[in-house]
Every structure is written in structure tokens, then in C-alpha cells.
Amino acid sequence: MTAFRFTDEKDQSRYTLHRGDDLVSVLDYRDDGQTLAMTRAYTIPTFRGHGYAGELVARAVEDVAARGDRVVSPVCWYVADWFAAHPEHAGLLAQRRAG
């Protein structure tokens, strides 16, 4: 089995997931110092259907939780669906403002 490599490419505002030498999935974000807005989860078309985006979001959420200094705004529908399927991580979600 080929190992995964997870990276936070802060200079490009994205998390990446590689399988071996292949980039398989990307998670773009905007970071304002308090909230990490996860704006787009994307899996390279030839690698779709293997759960790579879910793996990447899970690792990104673990990274945010471990840092402990940000909350997450799930702008991307895929990330929002991931949080809905993993309510144990709801404490990391940014609170929506009424209005």
C-alpha cells in the first residue's frame, strides 16, 4: 500500500494529499487569523471515488484541532457535508451570525 503525505501549503493557502508522488486531492482555504474558511475541496479526476477528499478534510480538521487557535467555516459544500456526517467535530465550527 502506498503511503499518504498530508501537507499544509500555507504560502498557497491549501492543504494537499499525495499518494506516493501523485497529488490526489486539494483543500483550499482562507485564514483570517481566527477562522479557517475551507472554500474548495477538489480531487484530481483520475483519483475520484476513493475517499481522498474525505481523508484530506479529516486530516485538515485534525490539524486545526491540534493547533487550537482557529475555528472552521465550511464554505465548500463538501466540507459542510463532512461536518454533518461527523458531528463529533461540531465544536470546531464557527458560529453563524444571525441577520
Protein backbone atom coordinates (compact mmCIF):
# COMPACT_ATOMS: atom_id res chain seq x y z
CA MET A 1 0.00 0.00 0.00
CA THR A 2 1.27 3.44 -0.93
CA ALA A 3 1.58 5.91 1.93
CA PHE A 4 -0.23 9.24 2.05
CA ARG A 5 1.53 12.54 2.57
CA PHE A 6 -0.51 15.41 4.03
CA THR A 7 0.82 18.96 3.81
CA ASP A 8 -0.33 22.46 4.71
CA GLU A 9 0.99 24.68 1.95
CA LYS A 10 0.45 27.96 3.81
CA ASP A 11 2.00 30.04 1.03
CA GLN A 12 -0.71 28.75 -1.33
CA SER A 13 -3.49 28.61 1.31
CA ARG A 14 -4.21 24.96 0.75
CA TYR A 15 -3.90 21.53 2.25
CA THR A 16 -2.80 18.74 -0.07
CA LEU A 17 -2.92 14.97 -0.01
CA HIS A 18 -0.42 12.96 -2.03
CA ARG A 19 -0.41 9.20 -2.57
CA GLY A 20 3.19 8.38 -3.28
CA ASP A 21 4.35 11.04 -5.75
CA ASP A 22 0.82 11.77 -7.02
CA LEU A 23 -1.18 14.78 -5.88
CA VAL A 24 -4.66 13.33 -5.37
CA SER A 25 -6.67 15.99 -3.53
CA VAL A 26 -6.53 19.69 -2.58
CA LEU A 27 -8.42 21.68 0.05
CA ASP A 28 -8.25 25.46 -0.44
CA TYR A 29 -8.77 27.79 2.49
CA ARG A 30 -8.76 31.41 3.63
CA ASP A 31 -7.25 32.13 7.04
CA ASP A 32 -8.03 35.42 8.78
CA GLY A 33 -6.19 34.53 11.99
CA GLN A 34 -9.34 33.36 13.81
CA THR A 35 -11.33 31.40 11.25
CA LEU A 36 -10.16 28.97 8.61
CA ALA A 37 -12.70 29.15 5.80
CA MET A 38 -12.46 25.89 3.86
CA THR A 39 -13.51 27.09 0.42
CA ARG A 40 -12.97 24.22 -2.02
CA ALA A 41 -12.25 20.50 -1.80
CA TYR A 42 -11.06 19.06 -5.09
CA THR A 43 -9.89 15.62 -6.11
CA ILE A 44 -7.95 15.13 -9.33
CA PRO A 45 -10.47 13.45 -11.69
CA THR A 46 -8.41 10.29 -12.23
CA PHE A 47 -8.32 9.71 -8.45
CA ARG A 48 -12.00 10.31 -7.66
CA GLY A 49 -14.11 7.68 -5.96
CA HIS A 50 -11.51 6.53 -3.43
CA GLY A 51 -12.40 8.77 -0.49
CA TYR A 52 -9.36 11.02 -0.83
CA ALA A 53 -11.28 14.28 -0.32
CA GLY A 54 -12.78 12.89 2.88
CA GLU A 55 -9.35 11.79 4.07
CA LEU A 56 -7.96 15.24 3.32
CA VAL A 57 -10.77 17.07 5.13
CA ALA A 58 -10.37 14.75 8.14
CA ARG A 59 -6.64 15.46 8.32
CA ALA A 60 -7.18 19.21 7.89
CA VAL A 61 -9.76 19.20 10.70
CA GLU A 62 -7.31 17.27 12.90
CA ASP A 63 -4.65 19.88 12.11
CA VAL A 64 -6.96 22.77 13.06
CA ALA A 65 -7.99 20.98 16.26
CA ALA A 66 -4.38 20.26 17.21
CA ARG A 67 -3.38 23.90 16.70
CA GLY A 68 -6.32 25.00 18.86
CA ASP A 69 -6.30 28.62 17.67
CA ARG A 70 -8.89 28.58 14.84
CA VAL A 71 -12.47 27.63 14.13
CA VAL A 72 -13.66 26.33 10.77
CA SER A 73 -16.13 27.89 8.37
CA PRO A 74 -17.22 25.16 5.91
CA VAL A 75 -17.80 27.34 2.83
CA CYS A 76 -17.41 24.36 0.46
CA TRP A 77 -20.48 22.10 0.27
CA TYR A 78 -18.28 19.01 0.56
CA VAL A 79 -16.72 20.25 3.80
CA ALA A 80 -20.18 21.15 5.17
CA ASP A 81 -21.40 17.64 4.33
CA TRP A 82 -18.30 16.16 6.00
CA PHE A 83 -19.05 18.07 9.23
CA ALA A 84 -22.71 16.95 9.06
CA ALA A 85 -21.51 13.34 8.85
CA HIS A 86 -19.00 13.85 11.70
CA PRO A 87 -20.93 15.75 14.42
CA GLU A 88 -18.22 14.91 16.94
CA HIS A 89 -16.22 17.76 15.35
CA ALA A 90 -19.01 20.36 15.53
CA GLY A 91 -17.16 22.19 18.31
CA LEU A 92 -14.67 23.42 15.71
CA LEU A 93 -17.32 25.14 13.61
CA ALA A 94 -17.52 28.91 13.55
CA GLN A 95 -20.80 30.20 14.94
CA ARG A 96 -23.04 31.78 12.32
CA ARG A 97 -24.22 35.28 12.99
CA ALA A 98 -27.94 35.94 12.95
CA GLY A 99 -29.08 38.51 10.49
